[in-house]
């Protein structure tokens, strides 16, 4: 049997990447000069990244409100011996 070719609507759906629900409608393009243009302003993107991405450089800072922190494992004297 011959393989079925995807329809135009299925092909269009396959071209769109899956995105987080907070970034629904986000589109990014790079023009011929190498300039990046997005459908969201940079402040909104940075706010999303600050909320959802763990930055290991800022992990131990307590002066940044509202950011997720992951507990880092520190070796105790008993574990080193």
PDB file of N, CA and C in Angstrom:
ATOM      1  N   UNK A   1       0.839  -1.184   0.000  1.00  0.00           N
ATOM      2  CA  UNK A   1       0.000   0.000   0.000  1.00  0.00           C
ATOM      3  C   UNK A   1       0.882   1.244   0.000  1.00  0.00           C
ATOM      4  N   UNK A   2       0.405   2.269  -0.635  1.00  0.00           N
ATOM      5  CA  UNK A   2       1.137   3.529  -0.689  1.00  0.00           C
ATOM      6  C   UNK A   2       0.932   4.291   0.619  1.00  0.00           C
ATOM      7  N   UNK A   3       1.962   5.025   0.996  1.00  0.00           N
ATOM      8  CA  UNK A   3       1.853   5.838   2.211  1.00  0.00           C
ATOM      9  C   UNK A   3       0.952   7.028   1.951  1.00  0.00           C
ATOM     10  N   UNK A   4       0.200   7.393   2.966  1.00  0.00           N
ATOM     11  CA  UNK A   4      -0.682   8.544   2.841  1.00  0.00           C
ATOM     12  C   UNK A   4       0.129   9.819   3.043  1.00  0.00           C
ATOM     13  N   UNK A   5      -0.101  10.801   2.201  1.00  0.00           N
ATOM     14  CA  UNK A   5       0.564  12.094   2.335  1.00  0.00           C
ATOM     15  C   UNK A   5      -0.239  12.946   3.303  1.00  0.00           C
ATOM     16  N   UNK A   6       0.447  13.721   4.156  1.00  0.00           N
ATOM     17  CA  UNK A   6      -0.300  14.565   5.094  1.00  0.00           C
ATOM     18  C   UNK A   6      -1.040  15.672   4.363  1.00  0.00           C
ATOM     19  N   UNK A   7      -2.187  16.006   4.881  1.00  0.00           N
ATOM     20  CA  UNK A   7      -2.974  17.083   4.295  1.00  0.00           C
ATOM     21  C   UNK A   7      -2.352  18.418   4.661  1.00  0.00           C
ATOM     22  N   UNK A   8      -2.805  19.466   4.016  1.00  0.00           N
ATOM     23  CA  UNK A   8      -2.247  20.796   4.270  1.00  0.00           C
ATOM     24  C   UNK A   8      -2.457  21.233   5.715  1.00  0.00           C
ATOM     25  N   UNK A   9      -3.608  20.929   6.300  1.00  0.00           N
ATOM     26  CA  UNK A   9      -3.864  21.333   7.685  1.00  0.00           C
ATOM     27  C   UNK A   9      -2.986  20.543   8.650  1.00  0.00           C
ATOM     28  N   UNK A  10      -2.760  19.283   8.374  1.00  0.00           N
ATOM     29  CA  UNK A  10      -1.881  18.485   9.231  1.00  0.00           C
ATOM     30  C   UNK A  10      -0.438  18.941   9.099  1.00  0.00           C
ATOM     31  N   UNK A  11      -0.050  19.324   7.904  1.00  0.00           N
ATOM     32  CA  UNK A  11       1.311  19.805   7.686  1.00  0.00           C
ATOM     33  C   UNK A  11       1.529  21.135   8.398  1.00  0.00           C
ATOM     34  N   UNK A  12       0.535  22.012   8.377  1.00  0.00           N
ATOM     35  CA  UNK A  12       0.639  23.301   9.055  1.00  0.00           C
ATOM     36  C   UNK A  12       0.733  23.105  10.563  1.00  0.00           C
ATOM     37  N   UNK A  13      -0.004  22.150  11.093  1.00  0.00           N
ATOM     38  CA  UNK A  13       0.048  21.878  12.524  1.00  0.00           C
ATOM     39  C   UNK A  13       1.397  21.281  12.912  1.00  0.00           C
ATOM     40  N   UNK A  14       2.005  20.522  12.029  1.00  0.00           N
ATOM     41  CA  UNK A  14       3.308  19.927  12.319  1.00  0.00           C
ATOM     42  C   UNK A  14       4.413  20.968  12.273  1.00  0.00           C
ATOM     43  N   UNK A  15       4.237  22.052  11.536  1.00  0.00           N
ATOM     44  CA  UNK A  15       5.244  23.101  11.439  1.00  0.00           C
ATOM     45  C   UNK A  15       5.301  23.965  12.687  1.00  0.00           C
ATOM     46  N   UNK A  16       4.224  24.052  13.435  1.00  0.00           N
ATOM     47  CA  UNK A  16       4.205  24.877  14.634  1.00  0.00           C
ATOM     48  C   UNK A  16       4.807  24.106  15.806  1.00  0.00           C
ATOM     49  N   UNK A  17       5.758  24.705  16.513  1.00  0.00           N
ATOM     50  CA  UNK A  17       6.334  24.021  17.670  1.00  0.00           C
ATOM     51  C   UNK A  17       5.392  24.088  18.868  1.00  0.00           C
ATOM     52  N   UNK A  18       5.548  23.134  19.764  1.00  0.00           N
ATOM     53  CA  UNK A  18       4.767  23.169  21.004  1.00  0.00           C
ATOM     54  C   UNK A  18       5.382  24.216  21.922  1.00  0.00           C
ATOM     55  N   UNK A  19       4.555  25.016  22.566  1.00  0.00           N
ATOM     56  CA  UNK A  19       5.041  26.058  23.462  1.00  0.00           C
ATOM     57  C   UNK A  19       4.291  25.985  24.782  1.00  0.00           C
ATOM     58  N   UNK A  20       4.869  26.604  25.789  1.00  0.00           N
ATOM     59  CA  UNK A  20       4.238  26.702  27.107  1.00  0.00           C
ATOM     60  C   UNK A  20       2.966  27.528  26.965  1.00  0.00           C
ATOM     61  N   UNK A  21       1.963  27.247  27.805  1.00  0.00           N
ATOM     62  CA  UNK A  21       0.680  27.947  27.674  1.00  0.00           C
ATOM     63  C   UNK A  21       0.819  29.450  27.894  1.00  0.00           C
ATOM     64  N   UNK A  22       1.813  29.893  28.688  1.00  0.00           N
ATOM     65  CA  UNK A  22       2.022  31.326  28.896  1.00  0.00           C
ATOM     66  C   UNK A  22       2.645  32.000  27.682  1.00  0.00           C
ATOM     67  N   UNK A  23       3.243  31.222  26.782  1.00  0.00           N
ATOM     68  CA  UNK A  23       3.880  31.775  25.589  1.00  0.00           C
ATOM     69  C   UNK A  23       3.083  31.493  24.321  1.00  0.00           C
ATOM     70  N   UNK A  24       1.823  31.194  24.475  1.00  0.00           N
ATOM     71  CA  UNK A  24       0.963  30.907  23.325  1.00  0.00           C
ATOM     72  C   UNK A  24       0.925  32.132  22.407  1.00  0.00           C
ATOM     73  N   UNK A  25       1.204  31.931  21.119  1.00  0.00           N
ATOM     74  CA  UNK A  25       1.223  33.024  20.166  1.00  0.00           C
ATOM     75  C   UNK A  25       2.593  33.647  19.985  1.00  0.00           C
ATOM     76  N   UNK A  26       3.601  33.124  20.664  1.00  0.00           N
ATOM     77  CA  UNK A  26       4.961  33.652  20.554  1.00  0.00           C
ATOM     78  C   UNK A  26       5.559  33.262  19.214  1.00  0.00           C
ATOM     79  N   UNK A  27       6.130  34.242  18.529  1.00  0.00           N
ATOM     80  CA  UNK A  27       6.756  33.994  17.235  1.00  0.00           C
ATOM     81  C   UNK A  27       8.054  34.781  17.194  1.00  0.00           C
ATOM     82  N   UNK A  28       9.105  34.179  16.650  1.00  0.00           N
ATOM     83  CA  UNK A  28      10.405  34.830  16.564  1.00  0.00           C
ATOM     84  C   UNK A  28      10.922  34.682  15.141  1.00  0.00           C
ATOM     85  N   UNK A  29      11.471  35.751  14.606  1.00  0.00           N
ATOM     86  CA  UNK A  29      11.999  35.770  13.247  1.00  0.00           C
ATOM     87  C   UNK A  29      13.361  36.462  13.259  1.00  0.00           C
ATOM     88  N   UNK A  30      14.244  36.052  12.371  1.00  0.00           N
ATOM     89  CA  UNK A  30      15.533  36.712  12.180  1.00  0.00           C
ATOM     90  C   UNK A  30      15.563  37.203  10.740  1.00  0.00           C
ATOM     91  N   UNK A  31      15.750  38.526  10.565  1.00  0.00           N
ATOM     92  CA  UNK A  31      15.727  39.076   9.216  1.00  0.00           C
ATOM     93  C   UNK A  31      17.089  38.925   8.542  1.00  0.00           C
ATOM     94  N   UNK A  32      17.219  39.442   7.331  1.00  0.00           N
ATOM     95  CA  UNK A  32      18.449  39.262   6.554  1.00  0.00           C
ATOM     96  C   UNK A  32      19.640  40.003   7.152  1.00  0.00           C
ATOM     97  N   UNK A  33      19.395  40.960   8.035  1.00  0.00           N
ATOM     98  CA  UNK A  33      20.477  41.683   8.696  1.00  0.00           C
ATOM     99  C   UNK A  33      20.891  41.030  10.013  1.00  0.00           C
ATOM    100  N   UNK A  34      20.227  39.941  10.391  1.00  0.00           N
ATOM    101  CA  UNK A  34      20.526  39.252  11.641  1.00  0.00           C
ATOM    102  C   UNK A  34      19.810  39.833  12.842  1.00  0.00           C
ATOM    103  N   UNK A  35      18.860  40.713  12.616  1.00  0.00           N
ATOM    104  CA  UNK A  35      18.089  41.304  13.706  1.00  0.00           C
ATOM    105  C   UNK A  35      16.959  40.359  14.104  1.00  0.00           C
ATOM    106  N   UNK A  36      16.756  40.237  15.407  1.00  0.00           N
ATOM    107  CA  UNK A  36      15.716  39.359  15.934  1.00  0.00           C
ATOM    108  C   UNK A  36      14.454  40.173  16.183  1.00  0.00           C
ATOM    109  N   UNK A  37      13.336  39.699  15.663  1.00  0.00           N
ATOM    110  CA  UNK A  37      12.051  40.334  15.936  1.00  0.00           C
ATOM    111  C   UNK A  37      11.119  39.281  16.514  1.00  0.00           C
ATOM    112  N   UNK A  38      10.414  39.660  17.573  1.00  0.00           N
ATOM    113  CA  UNK A  38       9.510  38.728  18.245  1.00  0.00           C
ATOM    114  C   UNK A  38       8.118  39.328  18.333  1.00  0.00           C
ATOM    115  N   UNK A  39       7.159  38.466  18.598  1.00  0.00           N
ATOM    116  CA  UNK A  39       5.789  38.928  18.760  1.00  0.00           C
ATOM    117  C   UNK A  39       5.516  39.385  20.196  1.00  0.00           C
ATOM    118  N   UNK A  40       6.419  39.101  21.129  1.00  0.00           N
ATOM    119  CA  UNK A  40       6.302  39.547  22.522  1.00  0.00           C
ATOM    120  C   UNK A  40       7.413  40.540  22.813  1.00  0.00           C
ATOM    121  N   UNK A  41       7.163  41.461  23.742  1.00  0.00           N
ATOM    122  CA  UNK A  41       8.232  42.359  24.128  1.00  0.00           C
ATOM    123  C   UNK A  41       9.221  41.627  25.045  1.00  0.00           C
ATOM    124  N   UNK A  42      10.429  42.110  25.091  1.00  0.00           N
ATOM    125  CA  UNK A  42      11.504  41.434  25.806  1.00  0.00           C
ATOM    126  C   UNK A  42      11.238  41.356  27.316  1.00  0.00           C
ATOM    127  N   UNK A  43      10.549  42.337  27.881  1.00  0.00           N
ATOM    128  CA  UNK A  43      10.226  42.301  29.312  1.00  0.00           C
ATOM    129  C   UNK A  43       9.333  41.117  29.648  1.00  0.00           C
ATOM    130  N   UNK A  44       8.371  40.824  28.789  1.00  0.00           N
ATOM    131  CA  UNK A  44       7.463  39.688  29.019  1.00  0.00           C
ATOM    132  C   UNK A  44       8.222  38.358  28.927  1.00  0.00           C
ATOM    133  N   UNK A  45       9.146  38.259  27.975  1.00  0.00           N
ATOM    134  CA  UNK A  45       9.948  37.044  27.836  1.00  0.00           C
ATOM    135  C   UNK A  45      10.857  36.865  29.048  1.00  0.00           C
ATOM    136  N   UNK A  46      11.512  37.939  29.483  1.00  0.00           N
ATOM    137  CA  UNK A  46      12.387  37.859  30.654  1.00  0.00           C
ATOM    138  C   UNK A  46      11.615  37.502  31.920  1.00  0.00           C
ATOM    139  N   UNK A  47      10.417  38.036  32.061  1.00  0.00           N
ATOM    140  CA  UNK A  47       9.579  37.707  33.219  1.00  0.00           C
ATOM    141  C   UNK A  47       9.247  36.214  33.231  1.00  0.00           C
ATOM    142  N   UNK A  48       8.911  35.668  32.067  1.00  0.00           N
ATOM    143  CA  UNK A  48       8.619  34.246  31.955  1.00  0.00           C
ATOM    144  C   UNK A  48       9.850  33.412  32.313  1.00  0.00           C
ATOM    145  N   UNK A  49      11.008  33.786  31.788  1.00  0.00           N
ATOM    146  CA  UNK A  49      12.237  33.031  32.058  1.00  0.00           C
ATOM    147  C   UNK A  49      12.615  33.106  33.533  1.00  0.00           C
ATOM    148  N   UNK A  50      12.471  34.266  34.148  1.00  0.00           N
ATOM    149  CA  UNK A  50      12.792  34.403  35.571  1.00  0.00           C
ATOM    150  C   UNK A  50      11.904  33.520  36.432  1.00  0.00           C
ATOM    151  N   UNK A  51      10.654  33.364  36.011  1.00  0.00           N
ATOM    152  CA  UNK A  51       9.705  32.586  36.786  1.00  0.00           C
ATOM    153  C   UNK A  51       9.875  31.079  36.591  1.00  0.00           C
ATOM    154  N   UNK A  52      10.281  30.639  35.393  1.00  0.00           N
ATOM    155  CA  UNK A  52      10.228  29.224  35.055  1.00  0.00           C
ATOM    156  C   UNK A  52      11.569  28.534  34.850  1.00  0.00           C
ATOM    157  N   UNK A  53      12.659  29.279  34.793  1.00  0.00           N
ATOM    158  CA  UNK A  53      13.955  28.674  34.530  1.00  0.00           C
ATOM    159  C   UNK A  53      14.864  28.881  35.726  1.00  0.00           C
ATOM    160  N   UNK A  54      15.486  27.803  36.175  1.00  0.00           N
ATOM    161  CA  UNK A  54      16.394  27.863  37.314  1.00  0.00           C
ATOM    162  C   UNK A  54      17.767  28.326  36.827  1.00  0.00           C
ATOM    163  N   UNK A  55      18.251  29.442  37.374  1.00  0.00           N
ATOM    164  CA  UNK A  55      19.568  29.962  37.021  1.00  0.00           C
ATOM    165  C   UNK A  55      20.533  29.579  38.132  1.00  0.00           C
ATOM    166  N   UNK A  56      21.484  28.710  37.826  1.00  0.00           N
ATOM    167  CA  UNK A  56      22.350  28.190  38.876  1.00  0.00           C
ATOM    168  C   UNK A  56      23.252  29.264  39.465  1.00  0.00           C
ATOM    169  N   UNK A  57      23.477  30.357  38.753  1.00  0.00           N
ATOM    170  CA  UNK A  57      24.284  31.449  39.304  1.00  0.00           C
ATOM    171  C   UNK A  57      23.521  32.203  40.386  1.00  0.00           C
ATOM    172  N   UNK A  58      22.204  32.235  40.265  1.00  0.00           N
ATOM    173  CA  UNK A  58      21.377  32.986  41.210  1.00  0.00           C
ATOM    174  C   UNK A  58      20.664  32.077  42.208  1.00  0.00           C
ATOM    175  N   UNK A  59      20.995  30.817  42.232  1.00  0.00           N
ATOM    176  CA  UNK A  59      20.281  29.839  43.027  1.00  0.00           C
ATOM    177  C   UNK A  59      20.292  30.147  44.530  1.00  0.00           C
ATOM    178  N   UNK A  60      21.402  30.617  45.055  1.00  0.00           N
ATOM    179  CA  UNK A  60      21.527  30.837  46.492  1.00  0.00           C
ATOM    180  C   UNK A  60      21.170  32.252  46.925  1.00  0.00           C
ATOM    181  N   UNK A  61      20.709  33.084  46.021  1.00  0.00           N
ATOM    182  CA  UNK A  61      20.363  34.456  46.375  1.00  0.00           C
ATOM    183  C   UNK A  61      18.971  34.495  46.983  1.00  0.00           C
ATOM    184  N   UNK A  62      18.856  35.197  48.088  1.00  0.00           N
ATOM    185  CA  UNK A  62      17.563  35.315  48.770  1.00  0.00           C
ATOM    186  C   UNK A  62      16.927  36.686  48.549  1.00  0.00           C
ATOM    187  N   UNK A  63      17.640  37.610  47.899  1.00  0.00           N
ATOM    188  CA  UNK A  63      17.135  38.966  47.726  1.00  0.00           C
ATOM    189  C   UNK A  63      16.267  39.130  46.486  1.00  0.00           C
ATOM    190  N   UNK A  64      16.049  38.062  45.736  1.00  0.00           N
ATOM    191  CA  UNK A  64      15.207  38.129  44.544  1.00  0.00           C
ATOM    192  C   UNK A  64      13.858  37.489  44.881  1.00  0.00           C
ATOM    193  N   UNK A  65      12.793  38.309  44.985  1.00  0.00           N
ATOM    194  CA  UNK A  65      11.491  37.757  45.376  1.00  0.00           C
ATOM    195  C   UNK A  65      10.818  36.985  44.247  1.00  0.00           C
ATOM    196  N   UNK A  66      10.089  35.935  44.622  1.00  0.00           N
ATOM    197  CA  UNK A  66       9.248  35.218  43.685  1.00  0.00           C
ATOM    198  C   UNK A  66       9.944  34.259  42.749  1.00  0.00           C
ATOM    199  N   UNK A  67      11.220  33.992  42.914  1.00  0.00           N
ATOM    200  CA  UNK A  67      11.884  33.061  42.011  1.00  0.00           C
ATOM    201  C   UNK A  67      11.972  31.689  42.650  1.00  0.00           C
ATOM    202  N   UNK A  68      11.920  30.678  41.814  1.00  0.00           N
ATOM    203  CA  UNK A  68      12.006  29.312  42.300  1.00  0.00           C
ATOM    204  C   UNK A  68      13.449  28.994  42.630  1.00  0.00           C
ATOM    205  N   UNK A  69      13.652  28.319  43.747  1.00  0.00           N
ATOM    206  CA  UNK A  69      15.008  27.911  44.108  1.00  0.00           C
ATOM    207  C   UNK A  69      15.024  26.412  44.283  1.00  0.00           C
ATOM    208  N   UNK A  70      16.105  25.828  43.881  1.00  0.00           N
ATOM    209  CA  UNK A  70      16.283  24.401  44.048  1.00  0.00           C
ATOM    210  C   UNK A  70      17.307  24.224  45.154  1.00  0.00           C
ATOM    211  N   UNK A  71      17.025  23.329  46.058  1.00  0.00           N
ATOM    212  CA  UNK A  71      17.941  23.079  47.160  1.00  0.00           C
ATOM    213  C   UNK A  71      19.196  22.416  46.620  1.00  0.00           C
ATOM    214  N   UNK A  72      20.342  23.047  46.854  1.00  0.00           N
ATOM    215  CA  UNK A  72      21.595  22.441  46.425  1.00  0.00           C
ATOM    216  C   UNK A  72      22.100  21.535  47.535  1.00  0.00           C
ATOM    217  N   UNK A  73      22.699  20.434  47.139  1.00  0.00           N
ATOM    218  CA  UNK A  73      23.210  19.477  48.111  1.00  0.00           C
ATOM    219  C   UNK A  73      24.615  19.880  48.504  1.00  0.00           C
ATOM    220  N   UNK A  74      24.811  20.115  49.780  1.00  0.00           N
ATOM    221  CA  UNK A  74      26.135  20.450  50.279  1.00  0.00           C
ATOM    222  C   UNK A  74      26.664  19.265  51.062  1.00  0.00           C
ATOM    223  N   UNK A  75      27.929  18.993  50.861  1.00  0.00           N
ATOM    224  CA  UNK A  75      28.536  17.873  51.567  1.00  0.00           C
ATOM    225  C   UNK A  75      28.778  18.249  53.023  1.00  0.00           C
ATOM    226  N   UNK A  76      28.489  17.332  53.886  1.00  0.00           N
ATOM    227  CA  UNK A  76      28.794  17.535  55.296  1.00  0.00           C
ATOM    228  C   UNK A  76      30.099  16.826  55.609  1.00  0.00           C
ATOM    229  N   UNK A  77      30.623  17.073  56.770  1.00  0.00           N
ATOM    230  CA  UNK A  77      31.890  16.446  57.162  1.00  0.00           C
ATOM    231  C   UNK A  77      31.782  14.925  57.187  1.00  0.00           C
ATOM    232  N   UNK A  78      30.617  14.398  57.519  1.00  0.00           N
ATOM    233  CA  UNK A  78      30.439  12.960  57.591  1.00  0.00           C
ATOM    234  C   UNK A  78      30.492  12.303  56.203  1.00  0.00           C
ATOM    235  N   UNK A  79      29.952  12.989  55.192  1.00  0.00           N
ATOM    236  CA  UNK A  79      29.929  12.442  53.842  1.00  0.00           C
ATOM    237  C   UNK A  79      31.315  12.453  53.214  1.00  0.00           C
ATOM    238  N   UNK A  80      32.148  13.434  53.588  1.00  0.00           N
ATOM    239  CA  UNK A  80      33.482  13.531  52.995  1.00  0.00           C
ATOM    240  C   UNK A  80      34.402  12.423  53.468  1.00  0.00           C
ATOM    241  N   UNK A  81      34.180  11.921  54.685  1.00  0.00           N
ATOM    242  CA  UNK A  81      35.073  10.899  55.258  1.00  0.00           C
ATOM    243  C   UNK A  81      34.754   9.534  54.830  1.00  0.00           C
TER     244      UNK A  81
END
